[in-house]
Each structure stands twice: as C-alpha cells, then as structure tokens.
Protein backbone atom coordinates (compact mmCIF):
# COMPACT_ATOMS: atom_id res chain seq x y z
CA MET A 1 195.80 197.58 118.68
CA PRO A 2 196.21 198.90 115.13
CA SER A 3 195.64 202.64 115.12
CA THR A 4 194.11 203.08 111.64
CA THR A 5 190.48 202.72 112.62
CA THR A 6 190.90 204.53 115.92
CA LYS A 7 192.31 207.56 114.15
CA LEU A 8 189.65 207.32 111.47
CA ILE A 9 186.76 207.36 113.88
CA ALA A 10 187.89 209.26 116.95
CA ALA A 11 186.75 212.53 115.43
CA LEU A 12 183.21 211.25 114.81
CA ALA A 13 182.66 208.48 117.12
CA ALA A 14 175.58 204.77 112.69
CA ALA A 15 172.47 204.20 113.03
CA PRO A 16 171.20 201.40 112.97
CA LEU A 17 169.04 199.35 115.09
CA VAL A 18 164.83 194.83 117.32
CA ILE A 19 161.69 191.58 120.14
CA GLY A 20 162.83 188.65 118.34
CA LEU A 21 161.73 187.35 115.05
CA ALA A 22 158.24 188.70 114.51
CA ALA A 23 157.27 186.26 111.84
CA CYS A 24 159.59 184.15 109.78
CA SER A 25 159.90 180.75 108.18
CA SER A 26 162.76 179.17 106.26
CA ALA A 27 164.69 181.58 104.07
CA GLY A 28 163.16 182.07 100.65
CA ALA A 29 166.07 181.73 98.26
CA ALA A 30 167.51 178.72 100.06
CA GLU A 31 164.25 176.80 99.85
CA GLY A 32 163.30 177.66 96.28
CA ASP A 33 160.74 180.21 97.50
CA ASP A 34 160.85 183.38 95.38
CA VAL A 35 159.94 185.62 98.33
CA VAL A 36 162.97 187.55 99.62
CA ARG A 37 162.80 187.89 103.41
CA ILE A 38 164.44 191.01 104.79
CA GLY A 39 164.96 191.71 108.49
CA VAL A 40 164.38 195.36 109.37
CA VAL A 41 163.90 197.63 112.33
CA GLY A 42 160.76 199.73 112.27
CA LYS A 43 158.75 198.05 109.52
CA SER A 44 156.18 200.86 109.71
CA ASP A 45 158.72 203.51 108.70
CA PRO A 46 157.58 205.13 105.45
CA GLN A 47 160.48 203.92 103.31
CA TRP A 48 159.46 200.29 103.72
CA PRO A 49 155.95 200.34 102.17
CA ALA A 50 157.45 202.34 99.30
CA PHE A 51 160.25 199.79 98.98
CA GLU A 52 157.79 196.88 98.91
CA GLU A 53 155.83 198.59 96.14
CA ALA A 54 158.92 199.44 94.10
CA ALA A 55 160.26 195.90 94.44
CA ALA A 56 156.91 194.46 93.32
CA GLU A 57 156.95 196.71 90.26
CA ALA A 58 160.34 195.20 89.44
CA GLY A 59 158.90 191.70 89.79
CA ILE A 60 160.45 190.95 93.19
CA GLU A 61 158.27 189.87 96.09
CA ILE A 62 159.68 190.73 99.49
CA GLU A 63 158.61 190.01 103.05
CA LEU A 64 159.70 192.47 105.71
CA VAL A 65 160.41 190.82 109.05
CA ASP A 66 160.30 193.29 111.93
CA PHE A 67 162.60 193.11 114.96
CA ALA A 68 162.68 195.07 118.20
CA ASP A 69 166.06 193.90 119.55
CA TYR A 70 169.40 194.49 117.85
CA THR A 71 170.73 191.10 118.85
CA GLN A 72 168.33 189.09 116.67
CA PRO A 73 168.56 190.04 112.94
CA ASN A 74 172.15 188.90 112.37
CA PRO A 75 171.72 185.43 113.92
CA ALA A 76 168.50 185.06 111.94
CA LEU A 77 170.38 185.87 108.73
CA THR A 78 173.27 183.57 109.61
CA GLU A 79 170.88 180.71 110.34
CA GLY A 80 169.02 181.12 107.04
CA GLU A 81 165.78 182.48 108.49
CA LEU A 82 166.30 185.65 106.44
CA ASP A 83 167.79 186.38 103.04
CA LEU A 84 168.94 189.91 103.88
CA ASN A 85 168.81 192.37 106.73
CA GLN A 86 168.97 196.15 106.85
CA PHE A 87 169.32 197.68 110.30
CA GLN A 88 172.99 198.15 111.16
CA HIS A 89 176.16 200.03 110.40
CA ILE A 90 179.51 198.48 109.55
CA VAL A 91 180.90 198.72 113.08
CA TYR A 92 177.95 196.75 114.46
CA LEU A 93 178.31 194.09 111.76
CA ALA A 94 182.06 193.79 112.41
CA ASP A 95 181.45 193.22 116.11
CA TYR A 96 178.90 190.51 115.30
CA ASN A 97 181.07 188.75 112.72
CA VAL A 98 184.04 188.61 115.09
CA SER A 99 182.10 187.55 118.17
CA ALA A 100 179.98 184.95 116.33
CA ASP A 101 182.72 183.79 113.94
CA ALA A 102 180.35 184.69 111.09
CA ASP A 103 180.93 186.08 107.61
CA LEU A 104 177.94 188.29 106.87
CA ALA A 105 178.81 190.80 104.17
CA PRO A 106 177.64 194.28 103.14
CA ILE A 107 176.09 194.37 99.68
CA GLY A 108 175.05 198.02 99.55
CA ALA A 109 174.82 201.25 101.50
CA THR A 110 171.60 202.94 102.56
CA ALA A 111 172.37 206.01 104.67
CA ILE A 112 174.24 207.35 107.64
CA TYR A 113 172.44 208.91 110.60
CA PRO A 114 173.48 211.20 113.42
CA LEU A 115 173.40 209.75 116.93
CA GLY A 116 171.68 212.18 119.28
CA LEU A 117 171.47 213.05 122.97
CA TYR A 118 167.96 213.78 124.26
CA SER A 119 166.54 215.16 127.51
CA LEU A 120 163.07 215.81 128.90
CA GLU A 121 164.38 218.25 131.50
CA TYR A 122 167.21 220.20 129.90
CA ASP A 123 167.32 222.23 126.68
CA SER A 124 171.09 222.37 126.49
CA VAL A 125 174.02 220.23 127.58
CA ASP A 126 175.27 223.29 129.45
CA ASP A 127 172.20 223.12 131.70
CA ILE A 128 172.88 219.56 132.89
CA PRO A 129 174.22 219.76 136.47
CA ALA A 130 177.43 218.05 137.49
CA GLY A 131 176.92 214.60 138.95
CA GLU A 132 173.75 213.82 136.96
CA THR A 133 173.35 210.51 135.10
CA VAL A 134 173.16 210.00 131.33
CA ALA A 135 171.97 206.74 129.75
CA VAL A 136 173.63 205.23 126.67
CA PRO A 137 173.02 202.09 124.55
CA ASP A 138 174.91 199.10 125.90
CA ASP A 139 175.82 197.24 122.70
CA PRO A 140 179.57 197.73 122.12
CA SER A 141 179.53 199.64 118.83
CA ASN A 142 176.78 202.08 119.76
CA LEU A 143 178.11 202.43 123.31
CA ALA A 144 181.47 203.63 122.02
CA ARG A 145 179.85 206.02 119.58
CA ALA A 146 177.56 207.37 122.31
CA LEU A 147 180.52 207.99 124.59
CA LEU A 148 182.20 209.99 121.84
CA VAL A 149 179.00 212.05 121.48
CA LEU A 150 179.08 212.79 125.22
CA GLN A 151 182.75 213.68 125.04
CA SER A 152 182.22 216.07 122.13
CA ALA A 153 179.39 217.67 124.15
CA GLY A 154 181.75 218.27 127.07
CA LEU A 155 179.96 215.91 129.45
CA ILE A 156 182.69 213.28 129.85
CA GLU A 157 186.38 212.79 129.16
CA LEU A 158 187.69 209.56 127.67
CA GLU A 159 191.19 208.28 128.24
CA ASP A 160 193.40 208.63 125.14
CA GLY A 161 190.68 210.63 123.40
CA GLY A 162 188.34 207.69 122.83
CA SER A 163 187.81 205.32 119.90
CA ILE A 164 185.22 202.97 118.39
CA PHE A 165 186.21 200.52 121.13
CA SER A 166 185.70 202.82 124.12
CA THR A 167 183.75 201.49 127.10
CA VAL A 168 182.59 203.00 130.36
CA ASP A 169 185.86 201.78 131.87
CA ASP A 170 187.65 204.32 129.67
CA ILE A 171 185.81 207.28 131.22
CA ASP A 172 188.05 209.59 133.23
CA GLU A 173 185.56 210.06 136.06
CA ALA A 174 187.55 212.77 137.80
CA SER A 175 187.47 214.92 134.66
CA SER A 176 183.88 214.14 133.65
CA LYS A 177 180.79 216.16 134.45
CA VAL A 178 178.21 213.34 134.47
CA LYS A 179 177.87 209.67 135.31
CA VAL A 180 177.07 207.19 132.52
CA THR A 181 174.69 204.22 132.71
CA PRO A 182 174.55 201.70 129.83
CA LEU A 183 171.11 200.25 129.01
CA GLU A 184 169.71 198.00 126.31
CA ALA A 185 169.19 200.32 123.34
CA SER A 186 165.40 200.09 123.24
CA LEU A 187 165.25 201.08 126.94
CA THR A 188 167.16 204.35 126.63
CA PRO A 189 164.03 206.33 125.65
CA THR A 190 162.00 204.99 128.56
CA SER A 191 164.82 205.93 130.91
CA LEU A 192 164.42 209.65 130.18
CA PRO A 193 162.15 210.42 133.18
CA ASP A 194 164.81 208.96 135.48
CA VAL A 195 168.01 210.42 134.00
CA ALA A 196 169.24 213.84 132.95
CA ALA A 197 169.59 212.75 129.31
CA ALA A 198 169.98 209.69 127.11
CA VAL A 199 171.70 208.88 123.84
CA ILE A 200 168.96 207.26 121.75
CA ASN A 201 169.36 205.31 118.54
CA ASN A 202 167.38 206.72 115.64
CA ASP A 203 165.04 203.74 115.43
CA PHE A 204 163.62 204.52 118.86
CA VAL A 205 163.43 208.32 118.77
CA GLN A 206 159.98 208.77 117.25
CA ASP A 207 158.53 205.78 119.11
CA ALA A 208 159.41 207.66 122.30
CA GLY A 209 157.37 210.68 121.20
CA LEU A 210 160.48 212.69 120.37
CA THR A 211 161.60 214.35 117.17
CA PHE A 212 165.13 214.41 115.83
CA ALA A 213 165.09 218.18 116.26
CA ASP A 214 164.81 217.60 120.02
CA ALA A 215 168.42 216.41 120.23
CA ILE A 216 170.54 218.65 122.44
CA ALA A 217 173.77 217.20 121.00
CA GLN A 218 174.74 214.82 118.19
CA ASP A 219 177.64 213.71 116.02
CA ASP A 220 178.11 214.68 112.38
CA PRO A 221 176.96 212.03 109.87
CA SER A 222 178.43 213.97 106.93
CA ASP A 223 181.96 213.80 108.34
CA PRO A 224 184.18 212.10 105.73
CA THR A 225 185.64 209.86 108.44
CA ALA A 226 182.23 208.35 109.13
CA LEU A 227 182.40 205.39 106.71
CA PRO A 228 182.27 202.67 109.40
CA TYR A 229 178.95 204.11 110.58
CA VAL A 230 177.28 203.78 107.18
CA ASN A 231 174.13 201.63 107.38
CA ILE A 232 174.01 198.71 105.01
CA PHE A 233 172.12 195.81 103.50
CA ALA A 234 173.81 192.61 104.71
CA ALA A 235 173.74 189.12 103.22
CA ARG A 236 175.46 185.83 103.84
CA ALA A 237 178.87 185.90 102.12
CA GLU A 238 177.87 183.22 99.62
CA ASP A 239 174.92 185.37 98.51
CA ALA A 240 176.80 188.65 98.18
CA ASP A 241 176.64 188.58 94.36
CA ASP A 242 173.01 187.45 94.09
CA GLU A 243 171.50 189.50 91.27
CA THR A 244 168.08 189.79 92.90
CA TYR A 245 169.55 191.06 96.16
CA LEU A 246 171.74 193.58 94.33
CA LYS A 247 168.70 194.75 92.38
CA LEU A 248 166.89 195.37 95.66
CA VAL A 249 169.79 197.52 96.85
CA GLU A 250 169.63 199.49 93.60
CA ILE A 251 165.89 200.01 94.06
CA PHE A 252 166.36 201.25 97.61
CA GLN A 253 169.08 203.67 96.57
CA SER A 254 167.35 205.05 93.47
CA ASP A 255 163.58 204.97 93.95
CA PRO A 256 162.30 208.51 94.70
CA GLU A 257 159.49 207.33 96.98
CA VAL A 258 161.82 205.13 99.00
CA GLN A 259 164.28 207.98 99.40
CA ALA A 260 161.49 210.37 100.38
CA GLY A 261 160.32 207.86 103.00
CA LEU A 262 163.86 207.51 104.33
CA ALA A 263 164.12 211.27 104.72
CA GLU A 264 160.71 211.44 106.43
CA ALA A 265 161.53 208.61 108.84
CA SER A 266 164.75 210.31 109.89
CA GLY A 267 163.33 213.81 110.19
CA ASP A 268 165.53 214.77 107.23
CA THR A 269 168.65 213.87 109.22
CA ALA A 270 169.67 210.82 107.13
CA VAL A 271 172.44 211.29 104.58
CA ALA A 272 171.52 208.86 101.78
CA LEU A 273 174.54 207.08 100.27
CA THR A 274 175.52 204.88 97.34
CA THR A 275 178.97 204.01 98.64
CA PRO A 276 180.69 201.42 96.39
CA VAL A 277 180.46 197.92 97.82
CA ASP A 278 184.22 197.38 97.67
CA GLU A 279 184.69 200.37 100.01
CA LEU A 280 182.14 198.90 102.42
CA VAL A 281 183.88 195.52 102.32
CA ASP A 282 187.29 197.11 102.94
CA ALA A 283 185.92 199.14 105.86
CA LEU A 284 184.37 196.01 107.37
CA ALA A 285 187.65 194.10 107.07
CA THR A 286 189.56 196.94 108.76
CA VAL A 287 187.15 197.18 111.68
CA GLU A 288 187.06 193.38 112.07
CA ASP A 289 190.88 193.28 112.20
CA ASP A 290 190.96 196.01 114.82
CA THR A 291 188.19 194.30 116.80
CA ARG A 292 190.16 191.04 116.88
CA ALA A 293 193.23 192.95 118.00
CA GLN A 294 191.20 194.30 120.90
CA GLY A 295 190.36 190.76 121.99
C-alpha cells in the first residue's frame, strides 16, 4: 500500500452523511429541465433554506432531495436521478468511486467537521470502565476515522498506528480499553442507551437530542492534514465544468446567510472552506489510488 495518504491522515483520522430517495424524478439538466436537483442530508438544516433563497435570487431553481442513508445519494447521482449531491467528504467519495467503478467528481468544498464521541452515562473518556462497548459507524471511511478518534482518546490501540483504511480487525484488543461495535451510521445515536459511548456523524447528532458540545472526544477539523475529510459538492465527471453548478458552489461558499446557517447547524464546529477544486481532485485521486492498492 502506498504510504502517502496513510501518513497524511494518521494524525487526524469528515463529515458527511441518508432512507432512500425521498422524492426524485429524472435529473433536471439531462432532461432539459432547468431545476437543479441536489441530494443532501438533513434538508431542514438552516443552511439549505438560505441556499434555496440565494440560488433563486441568482435565477437558479433548485430542488433539495433529502436522504437518510449514506449509501443512496451517490448511486442516485451516478444514475442521473440527481444533478449534484452534497453530503460526503473526499474519503467517502473515493471509496464509492472505487467500489462502484464510478467517476463522480468534486466541484467545490463546503466545510470540514469534527467527528465526535458521545455518551449518555459518562462525562469523560477517563470515566469509561475497561471492557465496556463503544459503537462506531460501519461505512469504511467513517469507521476508520472513528477508530482513530477512539485511539486518540486512549480507548483503543490500532496496529501500526492506524490509517484511513483501518478496520476493527486492526484493533489490538489486548492493549485496548474498550470493545468496538460497528453499526449503520444512523443507528449509532439510538445505540447510546445500550453502550458506553458512540461515535456519531454530525448529521445525526442534533436529531438524537444531543449538542456538539456534548462530545467527550473528537478529532481536529482544522488540522492541515485533514484535506481528505473536506466535505464537497459532487457531480458526474462530465458535468464538472457546468457553469450553473459552479455558480451554486460559489453561492454556497459566499452567501452570508448560507454560511450562518452552516455554522448554526454544526453548533459552530464547522470550518468553512473554499479549497481550490484542483486540490480536491488531486486528493481524491490519491485516496482512490491508495484504496485500490488496499484491494
């Protein structure tokens, strides 16, 4: 396995991400329909109404299509049921592209988010007794990141220090304080009554009645090595230069009300970004290459 990405991410280890397609017909641009259909997670988050309004003021009609399962928005985009989606970081997209032999492309950055560990019973990771169980998301990219969060919190030890490809098989059980149970990401919040703690993706924190301030551990989204965990707008490769889509990215990145909504939805934990697209594309290519090498 090439070591570039492993070294880049091991220190950090974003973001994210939905039931199936809530409501969707054939993709707008492909069918001559001027409505741009965008797959999102958490349509009710305050940045999205502000984004719809700002897009309308720019003469662009959008339709937000809400998902509740991470596995659905990328296939929907690939199959032409959406024009864009915005729910995932680069690592997640790389895993999808490689596994599905797809070529979805990032066309703009939105933000990077910390990934947090939450508990209903314990106020500190130090209070969690040895032998307890911690739940983590089971999709490969967020699973690896969650394991790195647990390692940085002193709850587990990963063989070779861990990487963006770590799995539960890489846990050194003899040196670890807790047991780890992977669950579908949307189920990690509901598992809290039954486990000592759970790593919960940002999209599900507030829905579970938690606040981001409740996290008892998290990674650092401002770390300069965090580029592969930047959240993005994604499009089909052939649409990556579409002027309307790029204008929507610009609106998201620059509109004050959208940015205020983004901050509110994340409990002021999001680090808003305008990372150049070529850097996003290069990061995606690197992670895809390393993912293939893992296979």
